[in-house]
Amino acid sequence: MRKFLAIVVLLGGAGGGGAWFWAGRQPGPTIEIQQPDRFIGQSTSLDLMVESPDGQFASVDVTLEQGDQSLEIFSLAQPTQGEVRQETAERIYIIRPVGKQDIPELQPGPARIVVRASRPVLYGLREVESQLARDVEVRLEPPRVEVRSTLHYVNHGGAEFVVYRATPADVDSGVRVGDQTYPGFPASGAGITGDDAMRVAFFALTNDQDLNAPISVFARDPAGNEATTALVHRAFPKQFARSRIGIDDRFIQRVVPAIAATTPSMALSTAPEDLVDSFVRINGELRQQNAETIAAYAHDTSPDILWRGAFHALGNASVEAGFADNRTYFYEGEEIDRQVHLGFDLAVTQRIPILAAQAGVVLHAADLGIYGNCVIVDHGLGVQSLYAHLSSFDVNVGDRVEQGQALGRSGMTGLAGGDHLHFTMLVNGHAVNPVEWWDPKWMQDRVLRKIAEATGSGM
């Protein structure tokens, strides 16, 4: 009996020791530092995810080590130091400001973020821990930005150009107009060489913005430190037309089924009693979707200016509609919709060749909802042109085109009431008045002069 009891105790001890050993080999919580990536600045945020297989945490502690000091910046035991958000039963997110503004002890230079997290195992008798560290650099000095060009005059609904200098080399920079941001590009893409800190940017005061919207040039470094300087400018008001557009059954019966066939995702009804409602959805919802598609092409722009001189308009054309025409649509005498026409409608005769207004690269040559068969050409530095309602194409995506090269032929696809060209100029995806771009004097004064002054030569 004594021998039997001894064996039981021995086996129990061996089993307990095995369980203790096995528990200690279990994985600790998963840790992922999402922010910061490389830098900490004046107002950087720590954003990390911690996940436990059973959703239980014994501890989560975060320290920031720099030199001979170790600063505790978060502890799950004192969650008021940051925001703790539980996404799932097993995963939590921790957000905590870690910039100089919240941690005054920070000094410029290298630092390390260390996250330690543990969870209970073996019925809480033991804990297993994980640790993750990330080396970062504390950068506290703000960037510098300085406007170099002069005489910035912008028309309501129009565009402008600025030459500026931004340092250090890794800053993100550009122009803000109200709540809109326009990216800057290395000035070498505009032919301005000799100083790698020089930048250029096109920007716009769109037709739907306040005439007195603030305009500034900014530079933001990877640590989130930012510098801005107000852009000295003058904004000029412009009158935009208002028009009444009558919609009849013949027009609706032609355009709605054709657009419904090319836009199955909208599930447009083509039943006779639903055609007016489907037209209103096309004129509003699809117009907005198309605008988002057009704006997305701004990300594909070349960092180099691809054109020289003014853009060309469609020759010998009559203007059927101008830029930013505020349209009210009527059906059988009743108002059914309101929209703004962001382009020029130009007509000559049927199926005439549509020529590239300037040199560039074709980004889009396909159907585009309300615009029907549509070509979008990139001219570099965020500047693009759009040609809509074509009957056919003469180019493909990726083609390099020269000024005056045929893109296709005019037509009446999309929401066109007749054979014509809808032409739009775009700056970072925002429609602007094409008249400026057709004007050699505007191009010289607003763009080429500034480039020449920055380089000492013309283009």
Protein backbone atom coordinates (compact mmCIF):
# COMPACT_ATOMS: atom_id res chain seq x y z
CA MET A 1 0.00 0.00 0.00
CA ARG A 2 2.81 2.39 0.91
CA LYS A 3 4.52 1.63 -2.36
CA PHE A 4 1.25 2.23 -4.23
CA LEU A 5 0.69 5.62 -2.57
CA ALA A 6 4.26 6.64 -3.32
CA ILE A 7 3.76 5.79 -6.96
CA VAL A 8 0.52 7.85 -7.06
CA VAL A 9 2.24 10.88 -5.51
CA LEU A 10 5.15 10.51 -7.90
CA LEU A 11 2.91 10.27 -10.91
CA GLY A 12 0.86 13.23 -9.69
CA GLY A 13 3.97 15.30 -9.24
CA ALA A 14 5.26 14.32 -12.66
CA GLY A 15 1.90 15.17 -14.21
CA GLY A 16 1.76 18.53 -12.46
CA GLY A 17 5.29 19.30 -13.51
CA GLY A 18 4.44 18.37 -17.09
CA ALA A 19 1.38 20.59 -17.04
CA TRP A 20 3.41 23.45 -15.62
CA PHE A 21 6.05 22.95 -18.32
CA TRP A 22 3.44 22.63 -21.08
CA ALA A 23 1.63 25.80 -19.94
CA GLY A 24 4.87 27.76 -20.00
CA ARG A 25 5.38 26.83 -23.65
CA GLN A 26 2.04 28.27 -24.74
CA PRO A 27 2.19 31.38 -26.96
CA GLY A 28 1.74 34.77 -25.38
CA PRO A 29 -0.56 37.46 -26.77
CA THR A 30 -0.05 38.67 -30.33
CA ILE A 31 1.23 42.25 -30.51
CA GLU A 32 1.15 44.54 -33.54
CA ILE A 33 2.37 48.16 -33.49
CA GLN A 34 0.45 49.95 -36.23
CA GLN A 35 1.69 53.47 -35.48
CA PRO A 36 4.16 55.08 -35.33
CA ASP A 37 6.07 53.46 -38.17
CA ARG A 38 9.44 55.22 -38.06
CA PHE A 39 9.06 58.64 -36.46
CA ILE A 40 7.65 60.39 -33.41
CA GLY A 41 6.93 64.11 -33.66
CA GLN A 42 5.15 66.80 -31.72
CA SER A 43 1.72 65.13 -31.85
CA THR A 44 2.25 61.50 -32.87
CA SER A 45 -0.21 58.81 -31.83
CA LEU A 46 0.60 55.28 -30.66
CA ASP A 47 -1.79 52.76 -32.18
CA LEU A 48 -1.29 49.09 -31.31
CA MET A 49 -3.25 45.87 -31.38
CA VAL A 50 -3.02 43.09 -28.76
CA GLU A 51 -4.77 39.76 -29.23
CA SER A 52 -5.07 36.83 -26.80
CA PRO A 53 -6.26 33.37 -27.88
CA ASP A 54 -8.78 33.25 -25.03
CA GLY A 55 -9.47 36.96 -24.77
CA GLN A 56 -7.87 37.23 -21.33
CA PHE A 57 -4.98 39.56 -20.53
CA ALA A 58 -2.95 39.56 -17.34
CA SER A 59 -1.07 42.70 -18.32
CA VAL A 60 -0.28 45.06 -21.19
CA ASP A 61 2.51 47.57 -20.58
CA VAL A 62 4.15 50.01 -22.98
CA THR A 63 7.38 51.87 -22.33
CA LEU A 64 9.31 54.38 -24.38
CA GLU A 65 13.05 54.07 -23.93
CA GLN A 66 15.43 56.85 -24.86
CA GLY A 67 18.98 57.13 -23.61
CA ASP A 68 19.11 56.12 -19.96
CA GLN A 69 15.43 56.79 -19.27
CA SER A 70 12.49 54.43 -19.60
CA LEU A 71 9.08 56.11 -19.61
CA GLU A 72 5.94 54.10 -18.88
CA ILE A 73 3.40 55.41 -21.38
CA PHE A 74 0.60 52.86 -20.95
CA SER A 75 -0.48 50.12 -18.57
CA LEU A 76 -3.65 48.06 -18.76
CA ALA A 77 -3.75 48.41 -14.99
CA GLN A 78 -4.28 52.18 -15.57
CA PRO A 79 -6.18 52.33 -18.86
CA THR A 80 -6.96 56.02 -18.40
CA GLN A 81 -3.51 56.68 -19.89
CA GLY A 82 -4.98 55.88 -23.30
CA GLU A 83 -8.05 54.74 -25.17
CA VAL A 84 -8.74 51.00 -25.08
CA ARG A 85 -11.13 49.73 -27.71
CA GLN A 86 -12.24 46.10 -27.89
CA GLU A 87 -12.80 45.03 -31.48
CA THR A 88 -13.54 41.33 -30.88
CA ALA A 89 -13.70 39.01 -27.88
CA GLU A 90 -9.99 38.30 -28.34
CA ARG A 91 -8.60 41.58 -29.69
CA ILE A 92 -8.13 45.05 -28.23
CA TYR A 93 -6.74 48.26 -29.70
CA ILE A 94 -4.82 50.77 -27.63
CA ILE A 95 -4.46 54.39 -28.75
CA ARG A 96 -2.34 56.87 -26.86
CA PRO A 97 -0.67 60.18 -27.86
CA VAL A 98 3.11 59.82 -27.61
CA GLY A 99 4.38 63.07 -29.15
CA LYS A 100 6.39 65.78 -27.45
CA GLN A 101 3.19 67.64 -26.59
CA ASP A 102 2.11 64.74 -24.35
CA ILE A 103 5.51 63.42 -23.26
CA PRO A 104 7.65 66.51 -22.50
CA GLU A 105 10.67 64.36 -21.58
CA LEU A 106 11.17 63.35 -25.24
CA GLN A 107 14.35 64.58 -26.90
CA PRO A 108 15.34 64.54 -30.58
CA GLY A 109 17.10 61.36 -31.64
CA PRO A 110 16.65 57.57 -31.56
CA ALA A 111 14.16 55.91 -29.23
CA ARG A 112 12.50 52.55 -28.76
CA ILE A 113 8.89 51.58 -28.09
CA VAL A 114 8.62 48.35 -26.08
CA VAL A 115 5.29 46.53 -25.63
CA ARG A 116 4.96 43.66 -23.15
CA ALA A 117 1.73 41.68 -22.86
CA SER A 118 0.89 38.55 -20.85
CA ARG A 119 -2.08 36.24 -20.46
CA PRO A 120 -3.01 33.67 -17.77
CA VAL A 121 -2.64 29.94 -18.42
CA LEU A 122 -3.10 26.78 -16.36
CA TYR A 123 -6.24 28.14 -14.65
CA GLY A 124 -4.45 31.34 -13.76
CA LEU A 125 -1.58 29.62 -11.97
CA ARG A 126 0.93 30.80 -14.54
CA GLU A 127 1.36 33.58 -17.13
CA VAL A 128 2.97 33.62 -20.56
CA GLU A 129 4.37 36.85 -22.01
CA SER A 130 5.09 38.36 -25.42
CA GLN A 131 7.29 41.34 -26.18
CA LEU A 132 7.62 43.53 -29.26
CA ALA A 133 9.97 46.47 -29.73
CA ARG A 134 10.19 49.09 -32.46
CA ASP A 135 13.04 51.51 -33.03
CA VAL A 136 11.90 55.02 -33.95
CA GLU A 137 13.40 58.45 -34.36
CA VAL A 138 12.09 61.45 -32.44
CA ARG A 139 11.93 64.40 -34.82
CA LEU A 140 10.72 67.64 -33.27
CA GLU A 141 11.88 70.45 -35.55
CA PRO A 142 9.12 71.48 -37.98
CA PRO A 143 9.75 71.54 -41.73
CA ARG A 144 10.37 74.77 -43.59
CA VAL A 145 8.32 76.05 -46.50
CA GLU A 146 8.84 79.24 -48.49
CA VAL A 147 6.88 80.53 -51.50
CA ARG A 148 9.17 81.64 -54.32
CA SER A 149 6.75 82.64 -57.08
CA THR A 150 4.82 85.94 -57.15
CA LEU A 151 1.53 87.38 -58.41
CA HIS A 152 -0.92 84.60 -57.70
CA TYR A 153 -4.28 85.52 -59.25
CA VAL A 154 -7.04 82.91 -59.22
CA ASN A 155 -10.49 83.13 -60.74
CA HIS A 156 -13.48 81.54 -59.06
CA GLY A 157 -13.69 78.15 -60.76
CA GLY A 158 -10.17 78.56 -62.10
CA ALA A 159 -6.64 77.33 -61.49
CA GLU A 160 -3.28 78.73 -60.44
CA PHE A 161 0.37 77.65 -60.16
CA VAL A 162 2.92 78.14 -57.39
CA VAL A 163 6.67 77.58 -57.07
CA TYR A 164 7.92 77.05 -53.52
CA ARG A 165 10.74 75.52 -51.50
CA ALA A 166 10.20 72.81 -48.84
CA THR A 167 12.74 71.13 -46.57
CA PRO A 168 13.89 68.60 -45.46
CA ALA A 169 13.91 66.32 -48.49
CA ASP A 170 11.39 63.77 -47.18
CA VAL A 171 8.49 66.16 -46.52
CA ASP A 172 5.08 65.80 -48.10
CA SER A 173 3.96 69.19 -49.39
CA GLY A 174 1.40 71.02 -51.46
CA VAL A 175 -1.36 73.62 -51.39
CA ARG A 176 -4.54 73.76 -49.33
CA VAL A 177 -7.53 75.69 -50.61
CA GLY A 178 -10.22 75.61 -47.97
CA ASP A 179 -10.77 71.90 -47.28
CA GLN A 180 -9.15 70.73 -50.53
CA THR A 181 -5.51 69.63 -50.81
CA TYR A 182 -3.36 69.73 -53.95
CA PRO A 183 -0.07 67.80 -53.97
CA GLY A 184 3.26 69.38 -54.79
CA PHE A 185 5.77 67.85 -57.19
CA PRO A 186 9.56 68.11 -57.52
CA ALA A 187 10.25 71.28 -59.50
CA SER A 188 12.61 69.34 -61.74
CA GLY A 189 9.47 67.90 -63.38
CA ALA A 190 8.70 71.44 -64.59
CA GLY A 191 12.26 72.04 -65.77
CA ILE A 192 13.43 73.89 -62.63
CA THR A 193 16.78 72.35 -61.67
CA GLY A 194 19.69 73.13 -59.37
CA ASP A 195 17.84 72.91 -56.03
CA ASP A 196 16.30 69.61 -54.95
CA ALA A 197 14.14 71.40 -52.34
CA MET A 198 12.16 73.31 -54.99
CA ARG A 199 8.56 72.22 -55.55
CA VAL A 200 5.69 73.21 -57.85
CA ALA A 201 1.92 72.72 -57.57
CA PHE A 202 -1.23 73.50 -59.50
CA PHE A 203 -4.29 74.28 -57.40
CA ALA A 204 -7.84 75.50 -57.93
CA LEU A 205 -10.53 77.61 -56.33
CA THR A 206 -13.44 75.43 -57.37
CA ASN A 207 -16.80 76.83 -58.39
CA ASP A 208 -18.50 75.49 -55.24
CA GLN A 209 -15.98 76.99 -52.78
CA ASP A 210 -16.21 80.34 -51.05
CA LEU A 211 -14.41 83.08 -52.94
CA ASN A 212 -12.53 83.92 -49.74
CA ALA A 213 -11.44 80.37 -48.95
CA PRO A 214 -7.99 80.48 -47.30
CA ILE A 215 -5.08 79.32 -49.47
CA SER A 216 -1.82 78.14 -47.92
CA VAL A 217 1.28 76.14 -48.80
CA PHE A 218 2.21 73.34 -46.38
CA ALA A 219 5.04 70.91 -45.69
CA ARG A 220 4.59 67.88 -43.41
CA ASP A 221 7.37 65.50 -42.39
CA PRO A 222 6.97 61.74 -41.69
CA ALA A 223 6.78 62.47 -37.95
CA GLY A 224 3.66 64.57 -38.52
CA ASN A 225 5.33 67.92 -37.86
CA GLU A 226 3.90 70.54 -40.19
CA ALA A 227 4.67 74.05 -41.34
CA THR A 228 2.29 76.27 -43.31
CA THR A 229 2.53 79.68 -44.89
CA ALA A 230 -0.34 81.71 -46.26
CA LEU A 231 -0.19 82.16 -50.03
CA VAL A 232 -0.50 85.82 -50.96
CA HIS A 233 -3.09 85.87 -53.73
CA ARG A 234 -6.09 87.64 -55.20
CA ALA A 235 -9.32 85.82 -55.96
CA PHE A 236 -11.66 87.18 -58.62
CA PRO A 237 -15.40 86.47 -58.77
CA LYS A 238 -16.97 84.92 -61.85
CA GLN A 239 -20.60 84.71 -62.83
CA PHE A 240 -21.88 81.21 -63.54
CA ALA A 241 -24.86 80.74 -65.81
CA ARG A 242 -28.21 79.31 -64.79
CA SER A 243 -30.30 77.41 -67.28
CA ARG A 244 -33.51 75.41 -67.58
CA ILE A 245 -33.22 72.02 -69.27
CA GLY A 246 -36.38 70.42 -70.60
CA ILE A 247 -36.43 66.61 -70.57
CA ASP A 248 -38.86 64.83 -72.89
CA ASP A 249 -39.85 61.21 -73.43
CA ARG A 250 -37.85 60.88 -76.62
CA PHE A 251 -34.62 61.82 -74.84
CA ILE A 252 -35.28 59.63 -71.79
CA GLN A 253 -36.23 56.62 -73.93
CA ARG A 254 -32.94 56.94 -75.80
CA VAL A 255 -30.45 57.53 -72.98
CA VAL A 256 -31.80 55.59 -69.97
CA PRO A 257 -31.83 52.05 -71.48
CA ALA A 258 -28.39 52.58 -73.03
CA ILE A 259 -26.85 53.73 -69.74
CA ALA A 260 -28.69 51.02 -67.77
CA ALA A 261 -27.11 48.41 -70.04
CA THR A 262 -23.58 49.67 -69.35
CA THR A 263 -24.17 50.22 -65.61
CA PRO A 264 -25.73 46.97 -64.30
CA SER A 265 -24.56 47.70 -60.74
CA MET A 266 -27.17 50.45 -60.41
CA ALA A 267 -30.05 48.10 -61.26
CA LEU A 268 -31.85 50.84 -63.18
CA SER A 269 -35.40 50.09 -64.22
CA THR A 270 -36.20 50.61 -67.90
CA ALA A 271 -39.94 50.09 -67.51
CA PRO A 272 -41.77 53.01 -69.20
CA GLU A 273 -43.28 54.19 -65.91
CA ASP A 274 -39.83 54.23 -64.22
CA LEU A 275 -37.77 56.02 -66.88
CA VAL A 276 -38.02 59.48 -65.29
CA ASP A 277 -36.94 58.17 -61.88
CA SER A 278 -34.10 56.24 -63.50
CA PHE A 279 -32.99 59.38 -65.31
CA VAL A 280 -32.88 61.30 -62.02
CA ARG A 281 -30.76 58.54 -60.47
CA ILE A 282 -28.41 58.63 -63.45
CA ASN A 283 -28.17 62.41 -63.35
CA GLY A 284 -27.40 62.41 -59.63
CA GLU A 285 -26.08 59.08 -58.26
CA LEU A 286 -24.22 58.00 -61.39
CA ARG A 287 -22.85 61.50 -61.92
CA GLN A 288 -21.35 61.35 -58.40
CA GLN A 289 -19.91 57.89 -58.99
CA ASN A 290 -18.35 59.08 -62.24
CA ALA A 291 -16.89 62.12 -60.48
CA GLU A 292 -15.21 59.82 -57.95
CA THR A 293 -13.78 57.68 -60.75
CA ILE A 294 -12.43 60.78 -62.50
CA ALA A 295 -10.92 62.12 -59.26
CA ALA A 296 -9.14 58.80 -58.65
CA TYR A 297 -7.18 59.23 -61.89
CA ALA A 298 -5.37 62.16 -60.27
CA HIS A 299 -3.23 59.58 -58.43
CA ASP A 300 -1.93 58.34 -61.79
CA THR A 301 -0.52 61.68 -62.91
CA SER A 302 3.05 62.04 -64.12
CA PRO A 303 5.48 64.02 -61.91
CA ASP A 304 6.72 65.70 -65.10
CA ILE A 305 5.02 68.40 -67.14
CA LEU A 306 4.15 66.78 -70.47
CA TRP A 307 3.01 69.82 -72.45
CA ARG A 308 4.32 73.10 -73.81
CA GLY A 309 2.20 76.23 -74.19
CA ALA A 310 -1.56 76.76 -74.24
CA PHE A 311 -4.11 74.01 -74.78
CA HIS A 312 -6.16 73.90 -77.99
CA ALA A 313 -9.92 74.13 -78.11
CA LEU A 314 -12.11 72.31 -80.63
CA GLY A 315 -11.75 74.39 -83.79
CA ASN A 316 -14.72 76.20 -85.38
CA ALA A 317 -17.01 74.98 -82.62
CA SER A 318 -20.10 76.67 -81.24
CA VAL A 319 -20.47 76.73 -77.46
CA GLU A 320 -23.65 74.96 -76.40
CA ALA A 321 -22.96 75.12 -72.64
CA GLY A 322 -20.32 76.78 -70.50
CA PHE A 323 -18.44 75.85 -67.34
CA ALA A 324 -20.33 75.59 -64.02
CA ASP A 325 -23.73 76.09 -65.65
CA ASN A 326 -26.28 75.60 -62.84
CA ARG A 327 -28.98 73.52 -64.48
CA THR A 328 -32.54 72.92 -63.39
CA TYR A 329 -34.19 69.96 -65.14
CA PHE A 330 -37.91 69.90 -65.97
CA TYR A 331 -40.19 67.13 -67.16
CA GLU A 332 -43.70 68.03 -68.31
CA GLY A 333 -43.29 71.42 -66.65
CA GLU A 334 -42.27 70.00 -63.26
CA GLU A 335 -38.82 70.38 -61.74
CA ILE A 336 -37.20 66.97 -61.30
CA ASP A 337 -33.51 67.67 -60.58
CA ARG A 338 -30.68 70.20 -60.23
CA GLN A 339 -27.05 69.66 -61.20
CA VAL A 340 -23.95 71.68 -62.15
CA HIS A 341 -22.44 71.18 -65.60
CA LEU A 342 -18.65 71.08 -65.08
CA GLY A 343 -17.29 71.49 -68.57
CA PHE A 344 -17.80 73.05 -71.99
CA ASP A 345 -20.15 71.58 -74.60
CA LEU A 346 -18.72 72.24 -78.06
CA ALA A 347 -20.38 71.29 -81.35
CA VAL A 348 -19.41 71.51 -85.02
CA THR A 349 -20.93 68.73 -87.14
CA GLN A 350 -21.56 65.05 -86.57
CA ARG A 351 -18.71 62.62 -85.90
CA ILE A 352 -15.88 65.10 -86.34
CA PRO A 353 -12.36 64.11 -85.19
CA ILE A 354 -11.74 65.04 -81.56
CA LEU A 355 -8.13 66.16 -81.10
CA ALA A 356 -5.95 66.11 -78.01
CA ALA A 357 -5.82 69.60 -76.50
CA GLN A 358 -2.20 69.02 -75.48
CA ALA A 359 0.42 66.29 -75.28
CA GLY A 360 -0.02 63.61 -72.64
CA VAL A 361 -0.75 59.98 -71.82
CA VAL A 362 -4.17 58.31 -72.15
CA LEU A 363 -5.48 57.12 -68.77
CA HIS A 364 -9.03 56.20 -69.76
CA ALA A 365 -10.61 55.23 -73.08
CA ALA A 366 -13.91 53.49 -72.36
CA ASP A 367 -17.50 54.07 -71.30
CA LEU A 368 -17.91 56.32 -68.24
CA GLY A 369 -21.56 56.52 -67.28
CA ILE A 370 -23.10 59.93 -67.98
CA TYR A 371 -20.10 60.81 -70.17
CA GLY A 372 -20.61 57.87 -72.52
CA ASN A 373 -17.49 56.96 -74.48
CA CYS A 374 -14.85 59.04 -72.72
CA VAL A 375 -11.11 59.70 -72.99
CA ILE A 376 -9.03 61.13 -70.14
CA VAL A 377 -5.51 62.36 -70.93
CA ASP A 378 -2.90 63.05 -68.25
CA HIS A 379 -0.63 66.05 -68.88
CA GLY A 380 1.46 65.75 -65.72
CA LEU A 381 1.62 67.61 -62.39
CA GLY A 382 -2.01 66.73 -61.64
CA VAL A 383 -3.39 68.34 -64.84
CA GLN A 384 -5.73 66.21 -66.97
CA SER A 385 -8.28 66.74 -69.75
CA LEU A 386 -11.54 64.87 -70.40
CA TYR A 387 -13.36 64.32 -73.72
CA ALA A 388 -16.87 62.89 -73.47
CA HIS A 389 -19.80 61.59 -75.57
CA LEU A 390 -17.52 60.17 -78.29
CA SER A 391 -18.90 57.83 -80.91
CA SER A 392 -15.61 55.97 -81.36
CA PHE A 393 -12.01 55.77 -80.08
CA ASP A 394 -8.71 56.18 -81.89
CA VAL A 395 -6.51 55.62 -78.82
CA ASN A 396 -5.96 53.10 -76.06
CA VAL A 397 -5.00 53.39 -72.40
CA GLY A 398 -1.26 53.99 -72.11
CA ASP A 399 -0.87 55.68 -75.48
CA ARG A 400 1.34 58.77 -75.60
CA VAL A 401 -0.48 61.43 -77.65
CA GLU A 402 0.69 64.73 -79.08
CA GLN A 403 -1.26 67.97 -79.32
CA GLY A 404 -3.71 67.73 -82.22
CA GLN A 405 -3.68 63.94 -82.39
CA ALA A 406 -7.08 62.31 -82.94
CA LEU A 407 -8.55 60.67 -79.84
CA GLY A 408 -11.81 59.59 -81.45
CA ARG A 409 -14.88 61.09 -83.07
CA SER A 410 -17.69 63.16 -81.59
CA GLY A 411 -21.00 61.55 -80.82
CA MET A 412 -24.00 61.50 -78.50
CA THR A 413 -23.27 58.67 -76.06
CA GLY A 414 -24.07 58.97 -72.36
CA LEU A 415 -26.34 61.87 -71.38
CA ALA A 416 -25.79 63.80 -74.59
CA GLY A 417 -28.79 65.47 -76.17
CA GLY A 418 -27.04 65.66 -79.54
CA ASP A 419 -23.70 65.17 -81.26
CA HIS A 420 -21.11 67.30 -79.43
CA LEU A 421 -17.93 67.22 -77.34
CA HIS A 422 -18.07 67.71 -73.58
CA PHE A 423 -14.59 69.01 -72.64
CA THR A 424 -13.31 69.37 -69.08
CA MET A 425 -9.98 70.43 -67.60
CA LEU A 426 -9.06 68.82 -64.29
CA VAL A 427 -6.59 69.82 -61.56
CA ASN A 428 -6.01 66.96 -59.12
CA GLY A 429 -9.40 65.57 -60.09
CA HIS A 430 -11.29 68.88 -59.69
CA ALA A 431 -12.99 70.40 -62.72
CA VAL A 432 -11.76 73.90 -63.61
CA ASN A 433 -12.67 76.41 -66.28
CA PRO A 434 -11.11 75.33 -69.61
CA VAL A 435 -11.14 78.89 -71.00
CA GLU A 436 -8.00 79.74 -69.02
CA TRP A 437 -6.07 76.81 -70.42
CA TRP A 438 -7.00 77.79 -73.99
CA ASP A 439 -5.59 81.30 -73.44
CA PRO A 440 -1.85 81.70 -74.34
CA LYS A 441 -1.63 84.86 -72.22
CA TRP A 442 -3.01 83.08 -69.15
CA MET A 443 -0.60 80.20 -69.67
CA GLN A 444 2.32 82.60 -70.00
CA ASP A 445 1.42 84.77 -67.01
CA ARG A 446 0.17 82.10 -64.64
CA VAL A 447 2.54 79.23 -65.40
CA LEU A 448 5.41 79.77 -67.82
CA ARG A 449 6.51 83.09 -66.32
CA LYS A 450 6.94 81.52 -62.90
CA ILE A 451 8.93 78.62 -64.30
CA ALA A 452 11.12 81.00 -66.26
CA GLU A 453 11.74 83.18 -63.22
CA ALA A 454 12.74 80.15 -61.19
CA THR A 455 15.13 78.84 -63.85
CA GLY A 456 16.30 82.04 -65.54
CA SER A 457 14.99 80.75 -68.85
CA GLY A 458 11.72 80.11 -70.61
CA MET A 459 10.10 76.91 -71.81
